[in-house]
Amino acid sequence: MNVASTHESPTAAKEMVQQRSRRLIVTWQHPISRAIEPIGVLLKDVQGYAFSYIRNAHHVKDFQGLIGFPDFSEVYRSDDLFPLFSQRAMDPRRPDFSRYVEKLGLLEDATPWEQIAASGGRRAGDTLQLFPVPEKIQEDVWACSFLVHGIRHIPDRSLRVGHQETWISCDKLDAVLGNLGIGDALRLVKNEGNPANPEARLLVQSEGVPVGFLPNLLVEDIVRLGDENVSAYVQVVNGSDAPWHMRLLARLECRASKDFEFFRGSSWEPATSPIE
């Protein structure tokens, strides 16, 4: 699957970004340890919206449940997007709305759902983040768009890419990001020197310069698929006026067998199922 030669117009790229996943993984960050754990799934379907906890939520240290969702065994439904999540989208009446959705690669009619799927629903000082579940776009191809993580942690520190130590200045990183264009290929390589997550991978520009991290939620499945079945490329790149976490939006495409699914295993099952 060759995505390195895929070059789209900015409008086409935005239309692709706007076609967001119908399922978002809800994660919770421990306020002290800063560990991020998946705790539930937010779903959009023809009946409206639904939220339910996954079994992993039972095992997350100090997690007591989300406001408005007290029962771990309940499947919550609503015609409208739940307030806890809708308040993470920007009001279209704000003067900076057009600039905000543009940086997320969205069109000006972006819905609250599309906004939180693209942005991760981030709020300053908050403990919640959302992540779109990759969807099957062909019989054996899965895809999703995601904001590249940890870009602000790349400059002025030693990084081991493969077996080689790399040191990148902030100016160098800005220059590399500034030279990226829509459709440019990104490489996923192991970050050998990451003690917190030994399998963490770096997104690397074609010149071999690290520009950020693959979200941890994807690492296990991407490693399972293998390098030869995974491709990534630039979908939206923003200038230095954008926050670090919004500098680069990437597209991931994976070739997998018919029975493959992302986020599969007992910890991902609904919390309503019996706990072994």
Protein backbone atom coordinates (compact mmCIF):
# COMPACT_ATOMS: atom_id res chain seq x y z
CA MET A 1 0.00 0.00 0.00
CA ASN A 2 1.81 3.08 -1.20
CA VAL A 3 0.59 6.27 0.40
CA ALA A 4 3.85 8.13 -0.08
CA SER A 5 2.68 9.19 -3.53
CA THR A 6 -0.72 10.36 -2.28
CA HIS A 7 -0.90 14.15 -2.57
CA GLU A 8 -4.27 15.77 -1.96
CA SER A 9 -5.50 19.31 -2.29
CA PRO A 10 -6.13 21.13 1.03
CA THR A 11 -9.89 20.98 0.38
CA ALA A 12 -9.82 17.25 -0.30
CA ALA A 13 -7.74 16.68 2.82
CA LYS A 14 -10.23 18.59 4.95
CA GLU A 15 -13.15 16.61 3.53
CA MET A 16 -11.33 13.40 4.47
CA VAL A 17 -10.64 14.67 7.99
CA GLN A 18 -14.31 15.60 8.35
CA GLN A 19 -15.33 11.98 7.74
CA ARG A 20 -14.68 11.11 11.36
CA SER A 21 -14.95 7.79 13.16
CA ARG A 22 -18.31 6.90 14.62
CA ARG A 23 -16.59 5.65 17.79
CA LEU A 24 -14.28 7.56 20.10
CA ILE A 25 -12.22 5.98 22.86
CA VAL A 26 -12.53 8.01 26.07
CA THR A 27 -9.35 8.11 28.17
CA TRP A 28 -8.71 9.39 31.69
CA GLN A 29 -5.41 10.76 32.97
CA HIS A 30 -4.47 10.21 36.60
CA PRO A 31 -3.97 13.67 38.14
CA ILE A 32 -0.79 12.65 39.98
CA SER A 33 0.92 9.85 38.05
CA ARG A 34 -0.24 11.33 34.70
CA ALA A 35 -0.85 7.79 33.41
CA ILE A 36 -3.47 7.75 30.66
CA GLU A 37 -5.93 4.84 30.57
CA PRO A 38 -8.92 4.04 28.32
CA ILE A 39 -12.13 3.95 30.33
CA GLY A 40 -15.03 4.05 27.87
CA VAL A 41 -16.41 4.35 24.36
CA LEU A 42 -18.48 7.23 22.97
CA LEU A 43 -20.62 6.20 19.99
CA LYS A 44 -22.50 8.15 17.32
CA ASP A 45 -25.15 6.26 15.34
CA VAL A 46 -28.56 6.74 13.71
CA GLN A 47 -30.22 6.70 17.14
CA GLY A 48 -28.08 9.53 18.49
CA TYR A 49 -25.22 9.11 20.95
CA ALA A 50 -24.23 6.45 23.45
CA PHE A 51 -21.58 6.15 26.14
CA SER A 52 -20.53 3.05 28.03
CA TYR A 53 -17.56 2.09 30.18
CA ILE A 54 -15.16 -0.67 29.20
CA ARG A 55 -13.91 -3.32 31.62
CA ASN A 56 -10.55 -1.59 31.92
CA ALA A 57 -12.29 1.24 33.82
CA HIS A 58 -12.72 -1.11 36.79
CA HIS A 59 -8.96 -1.44 37.12
CA VAL A 60 -7.83 2.18 36.71
CA LYS A 61 -6.38 3.40 39.98
CA ASP A 62 -8.44 6.16 41.69
CA PHE A 63 -10.94 6.42 38.82
CA GLN A 64 -14.41 7.00 40.29
CA GLY A 65 -16.44 7.51 37.11
CA LEU A 66 -17.30 10.52 34.98
CA ILE A 67 -19.70 13.30 35.92
CA GLY A 68 -23.15 12.36 34.66
CA PHE A 69 -22.18 8.70 34.17
CA PRO A 70 -22.17 7.17 37.68
CA ASP A 71 -23.05 3.55 36.82
CA PHE A 72 -20.27 1.48 35.25
CA SER A 73 -22.78 -1.14 34.05
CA GLU A 74 -25.12 1.31 32.27
CA VAL A 75 -25.29 2.12 28.56
CA TYR A 76 -26.14 5.83 28.45
CA ARG A 77 -28.05 7.17 25.42
CA SER A 78 -29.04 10.65 24.28
CA ASP A 79 -30.49 12.28 21.17
CA ASP A 80 -27.90 15.03 21.58
CA LEU A 81 -24.19 14.88 22.34
CA PHE A 82 -23.76 14.59 26.11
CA PRO A 83 -22.83 17.94 27.78
CA LEU A 84 -19.59 16.50 29.21
CA PHE A 85 -18.37 16.04 25.63
CA SER A 86 -20.21 18.79 23.73
CA GLN A 87 -18.62 21.46 25.94
CA ARG A 88 -15.26 20.40 24.49
CA ALA A 89 -16.24 21.78 21.09
CA MET A 90 -15.88 25.47 20.20
CA ASP A 91 -18.97 27.62 19.72
CA PRO A 92 -19.26 28.63 16.02
CA ARG A 93 -20.16 32.15 17.16
CA ARG A 94 -16.68 32.75 18.54
CA PRO A 95 -14.56 35.04 16.36
CA ASP A 96 -11.70 32.55 16.27
CA PHE A 97 -13.88 29.59 15.27
CA SER A 98 -12.90 29.58 11.58
CA ARG A 99 -9.20 29.65 12.42
CA TYR A 100 -9.63 26.90 15.01
CA VAL A 101 -11.40 24.41 12.76
CA GLU A 102 -8.99 25.17 9.93
CA LYS A 103 -6.06 24.15 12.14
CA LEU A 104 -7.88 20.88 12.81
CA GLY A 105 -8.30 20.29 9.09
CA LEU A 106 -12.08 20.75 9.28
CA LEU A 107 -14.54 22.71 7.20
CA GLU A 108 -16.41 25.71 8.64
CA ASP A 109 -19.60 23.70 9.14
CA ALA A 110 -17.82 21.26 11.45
CA THR A 111 -20.18 19.75 14.01
CA PRO A 112 -19.30 19.40 17.71
CA TRP A 113 -18.74 15.67 17.14
CA GLU A 114 -16.30 16.32 14.30
CA GLN A 115 -14.48 18.88 16.43
CA ILE A 116 -13.95 16.60 19.41
CA ALA A 117 -12.96 13.69 17.18
CA ALA A 118 -10.29 15.87 15.56
CA SER A 119 -9.07 17.74 18.64
CA GLY A 120 -9.29 14.94 21.17
CA GLY A 121 -11.58 17.16 23.22
CA ARG A 122 -8.61 18.67 25.05
CA ARG A 123 -9.19 21.30 27.73
CA ALA A 124 -6.51 22.96 29.82
CA GLY A 125 -5.97 21.16 33.11
CA ASP A 126 -8.47 18.44 32.22
CA THR A 127 -8.12 14.68 32.67
CA LEU A 128 -10.13 13.51 29.64
CA GLN A 129 -9.04 12.93 26.06
CA LEU A 130 -10.80 11.30 23.12
CA PHE A 131 -9.38 9.23 20.30
CA PRO A 132 -11.10 8.07 17.09
CA VAL A 133 -11.28 4.33 16.55
CA PRO A 134 -9.75 3.42 13.16
CA GLU A 135 -12.40 2.36 10.68
CA LYS A 136 -12.35 -0.11 7.83
CA ILE A 137 -12.28 1.84 4.54
CA GLN A 138 -11.72 -1.19 2.31
CA GLU A 139 -12.03 -4.93 2.81
CA ASP A 140 -8.59 -5.21 4.35
CA VAL A 141 -7.61 -1.57 5.02
CA TRP A 142 -8.15 0.38 8.25
CA ALA A 143 -7.59 4.13 8.60
CA CYS A 144 -7.85 7.05 10.99
CA SER A 145 -6.56 10.59 11.37
CA PHE A 146 -4.82 11.70 14.55
CA LEU A 147 -2.92 14.60 16.02
CA VAL A 148 0.74 13.69 16.45
CA HIS A 149 1.50 13.50 20.16
CA GLY A 150 4.38 14.88 22.19
CA ILE A 151 5.80 17.30 19.62
CA ARG A 152 6.80 19.72 22.39
CA HIS A 153 8.91 16.96 23.97
CA ILE A 154 11.04 16.43 20.86
CA PRO A 155 13.40 19.49 20.92
CA ASP A 156 16.52 19.76 23.07
CA ARG A 157 16.59 16.21 24.36
CA SER A 158 18.40 13.04 23.37
CA LEU A 159 16.30 10.60 21.36
CA ARG A 160 17.31 7.15 20.20
CA VAL A 161 15.93 6.46 16.73
CA GLY A 162 16.74 2.88 15.89
CA HIS A 163 20.28 2.47 17.25
CA GLN A 164 21.33 6.09 16.74
CA GLU A 165 21.23 8.96 19.22
CA THR A 166 19.60 12.13 17.85
CA TRP A 167 19.46 15.67 19.24
CA ILE A 168 17.11 18.18 17.63
CA SER A 169 16.89 21.89 18.38
CA CYS A 170 13.59 23.75 18.48
CA ASP A 171 14.63 25.70 15.36
CA LYS A 172 15.40 22.47 13.52
CA LEU A 173 12.04 20.98 14.45
CA ASP A 174 10.24 24.15 13.33
CA ALA A 175 12.09 24.03 10.02
CA VAL A 176 11.21 20.36 9.42
CA LEU A 177 7.55 20.93 10.26
CA GLY A 178 7.50 24.02 8.06
CA ASN A 179 8.77 22.02 5.09
CA LEU A 180 6.14 19.31 5.36
CA GLY A 181 3.30 19.26 2.85
CA ILE A 182 0.01 17.42 2.50
CA GLY A 183 0.62 13.84 1.43
CA ASP A 184 4.26 13.70 2.57
CA ALA A 185 5.14 10.29 3.93
CA LEU A 186 5.94 9.79 7.62
CA ARG A 187 7.84 6.81 8.99
CA LEU A 188 7.05 4.97 12.21
CA VAL A 189 10.19 3.76 13.97
CA LYS A 190 10.87 2.41 17.44
CA ASN A 191 12.04 4.82 20.11
CA GLU A 192 14.58 2.50 21.70
CA GLY A 193 15.33 4.84 24.61
CA ASN A 194 11.85 5.36 26.03
CA PRO A 195 11.78 3.64 29.47
CA ALA A 196 8.16 4.67 30.11
CA ASN A 197 6.95 2.86 27.00
CA PRO A 198 9.55 0.56 25.43
CA GLU A 199 7.39 0.02 22.35
CA ALA A 200 6.62 3.72 21.80
CA ARG A 201 7.20 4.81 18.23
CA LEU A 202 8.28 8.06 16.72
CA LEU A 203 6.76 9.64 13.69
CA VAL A 204 9.72 10.49 11.50
CA GLN A 205 9.85 12.77 8.50
CA SER A 206 11.43 11.30 5.36
CA GLU A 207 14.77 12.97 6.15
CA GLY A 208 14.98 10.95 9.36
CA VAL A 209 14.09 13.76 11.76
CA PRO A 210 11.68 12.84 14.62
CA VAL A 211 8.63 15.10 14.77
CA GLY A 212 6.48 13.48 17.47
CA PHE A 213 4.97 10.29 18.85
CA LEU A 214 2.32 7.88 17.74
CA PRO A 215 -0.51 7.94 20.33
CA ASN A 216 0.06 5.22 22.91
CA LEU A 217 -3.41 3.77 22.35
CA LEU A 218 -2.33 2.64 18.89
CA VAL A 219 1.10 1.25 19.73
CA GLU A 220 0.13 -2.31 20.64
CA ASP A 221 -1.99 -2.87 17.53
CA ILE A 222 0.50 -1.21 15.18
CA VAL A 223 3.33 -3.39 16.52
CA ARG A 224 1.07 -6.41 16.06
CA LEU A 225 0.41 -5.50 12.42
CA GLY A 226 4.09 -5.04 11.55
CA ASP A 227 5.95 -2.31 9.67
CA GLU A 228 5.16 -3.68 6.23
CA ASN A 229 1.40 -3.24 6.79
CA VAL A 230 1.40 0.31 8.19
CA SER A 231 1.75 3.67 6.43
CA ALA A 232 1.39 7.25 7.63
CA TYR A 233 1.38 10.59 5.89
CA VAL A 234 0.76 14.28 6.51
CA GLN A 235 -2.85 15.43 6.37
CA VAL A 236 -2.64 18.91 7.91
CA VAL A 237 0.41 20.86 9.07
CA ASN A 238 0.11 24.12 11.03
CA GLY A 239 2.56 26.93 11.65
CA SER A 240 4.27 27.94 14.88
CA ASP A 241 1.24 30.05 15.85
CA ALA A 242 -0.63 26.80 16.60
CA PRO A 243 -0.27 25.01 19.96
CA TRP A 244 2.23 22.16 19.95
CA HIS A 245 -0.49 19.50 20.07
CA MET A 246 -2.12 20.94 16.93
CA ARG A 247 0.99 21.35 14.79
CA LEU A 248 0.62 18.13 12.81
CA LEU A 249 -2.37 16.00 11.85
CA ALA A 250 -1.44 12.64 10.32
CA ARG A 251 -3.32 9.92 8.49
CA LEU A 252 -2.70 6.28 9.35
CA GLU A 253 -3.55 3.45 6.96
CA CYS A 254 -3.10 -0.21 7.85
CA ARG A 255 -3.52 -3.41 5.88
CA ALA A 256 -4.86 -6.25 8.00
CA SER A 257 -6.57 -9.62 7.77
CA LYS A 258 -10.36 -9.82 7.61
CA ASP A 259 -10.69 -10.84 11.25
CA PHE A 260 -8.46 -8.04 12.58
CA GLU A 261 -9.93 -5.40 14.87
CA PHE A 262 -8.37 -2.49 16.73
CA PHE A 263 -8.67 -2.38 20.52
CA ARG A 264 -9.58 -6.04 20.93
CA GLY A 265 -9.21 -8.00 24.15
CA SER A 266 -10.93 -8.55 27.48
CA SER A 267 -10.03 -5.09 28.86
CA TRP A 268 -11.82 -3.47 25.90
CA GLU A 269 -15.08 -5.38 26.38
CA PRO A 270 -18.09 -3.46 27.74
CA ALA A 271 -18.07 -3.09 31.52
CA THR A 272 -21.58 -4.52 31.45
CA SER A 273 -20.11 -7.97 30.62
CA PRO A 274 -19.10 -10.21 33.55
CA ILE A 275 -15.66 -9.63 35.03
CA GLU A 276 -13.60 -12.79 35.20
